[in-house]
Amino acid sequence: MGTMDCATFVELVTDFLEGALPEAEEERFVEHLTLCDGCETYLEQFRRTIDTLGELPADSLSAEARAKLLTAFRGFRRGE
């Protein structure tokens, strides 16, 4: 399958935290995590955000709000 890039890592964070990644994908995710300090920091910040906010039901956000949050997280990762 090859090495995972940071953009793919960011896309898979939620699935990883929920234990929803297929085994091979999870292995690539963890491998990338061990090699990339930036993604390690991103994952820790994501975990802290979840701990701070608690769990939001999936249907509690509109599609527009969800898209805006995802865009903001992606921009944060790139330093925008």
Protein backbone atom coordinates (compact mmCIF):
# COMPACT_ATOMS: atom_id res chain seq x y z
CA MET A 1 0.00 0.00 0.00
CA GLY A 2 2.89 2.37 0.57
CA THR A 3 3.60 5.24 2.89
CA MET A 4 0.78 7.45 4.11
CA ASP A 5 1.01 11.21 3.56
CA CYS A 6 -0.11 13.87 6.04
CA ALA A 7 -3.27 14.77 4.12
CA THR A 8 -4.47 11.17 4.23
CA PHE A 9 -3.55 10.97 7.92
CA VAL A 10 -5.73 14.01 8.68
CA GLU A 11 -8.64 12.50 6.75
CA LEU A 12 -8.42 9.27 8.79
CA VAL A 13 -7.99 10.68 12.31
CA THR A 14 -11.64 10.33 13.30
CA ASP A 15 -11.88 6.76 11.98
CA PHE A 16 -8.67 5.89 13.83
CA LEU A 17 -9.94 7.28 17.12
CA GLU A 18 -13.22 5.41 16.68
CA GLY A 19 -11.40 2.14 15.93
CA ALA A 20 -13.02 2.03 12.50
CA LEU A 21 -9.95 1.65 10.27
CA PRO A 22 -9.27 -1.65 8.53
CA GLU A 23 -6.21 -3.36 10.02
CA ALA A 24 -3.86 -2.58 7.11
CA GLU A 25 -4.92 1.09 7.06
CA GLU A 26 -4.46 1.36 10.82
CA GLU A 27 -0.94 -0.05 10.49
CA ARG A 28 -0.10 2.61 7.87
CA PHE A 29 -1.66 5.29 10.11
CA VAL A 30 0.40 4.25 13.14
CA GLU A 31 3.56 3.96 11.03
CA HIS A 32 3.06 7.51 9.76
CA LEU A 33 2.40 8.68 13.30
CA THR A 34 5.77 7.32 14.45
CA LEU A 35 7.58 9.14 11.64
CA CYS A 36 5.83 12.53 11.62
CA ASP A 37 6.06 14.87 14.61
CA GLY A 38 3.55 17.27 13.05
CA CYS A 39 0.88 14.59 12.76
CA GLU A 40 1.64 13.38 16.27
CA THR A 41 0.96 16.91 17.50
CA TYR A 42 -2.19 17.14 15.36
CA LEU A 43 -3.54 13.88 16.80
CA GLU A 44 -2.85 15.04 20.37
CA GLN A 45 -4.62 18.36 19.70
CA PHE A 46 -7.56 16.49 18.19
CA ARG A 47 -7.76 14.27 21.28
CA ARG A 48 -7.66 17.31 23.58
CA THR A 49 -10.43 18.97 21.57
CA ILE A 50 -12.60 15.87 21.91
CA ASP A 51 -11.89 15.66 25.64
CA THR A 52 -12.74 19.34 26.08
CA LEU A 53 -15.92 19.36 24.03
CA GLY A 54 -17.14 15.87 24.75
CA GLU A 55 -18.96 13.87 22.14
CA LEU A 56 -21.36 15.59 19.81
CA PRO A 57 -24.03 13.44 18.19
CA ALA A 58 -23.44 13.18 14.44
CA ASP A 59 -26.83 14.69 13.68
CA SER A 60 -26.25 17.69 15.94
CA LEU A 61 -24.26 19.50 13.22
CA SER A 62 -25.62 20.63 9.92
CA ALA A 63 -23.72 19.55 6.81
CA GLU A 64 -22.54 23.15 6.40
CA ALA A 65 -21.25 23.38 10.00
CA ARG A 66 -19.50 20.02 9.67
CA ALA A 67 -17.82 21.11 6.41
CA LYS A 68 -16.66 24.37 8.02
CA LEU A 69 -15.17 22.54 11.00
CA LEU A 70 -13.37 20.05 8.77
CA THR A 71 -11.99 22.90 6.66
CA ALA A 72 -10.79 24.68 9.80
CA PHE A 73 -9.03 21.54 11.10
CA ARG A 74 -7.38 20.97 7.73
CA GLY A 75 -6.27 24.60 7.59
CA PHE A 76 -4.90 24.35 11.11
CA ARG A 77 -2.82 21.34 10.13
CA ARG A 78 -1.31 23.27 7.22
CA GLY A 79 -0.68 26.30 9.42
CA GLU A 80 -3.23 28.55 7.70
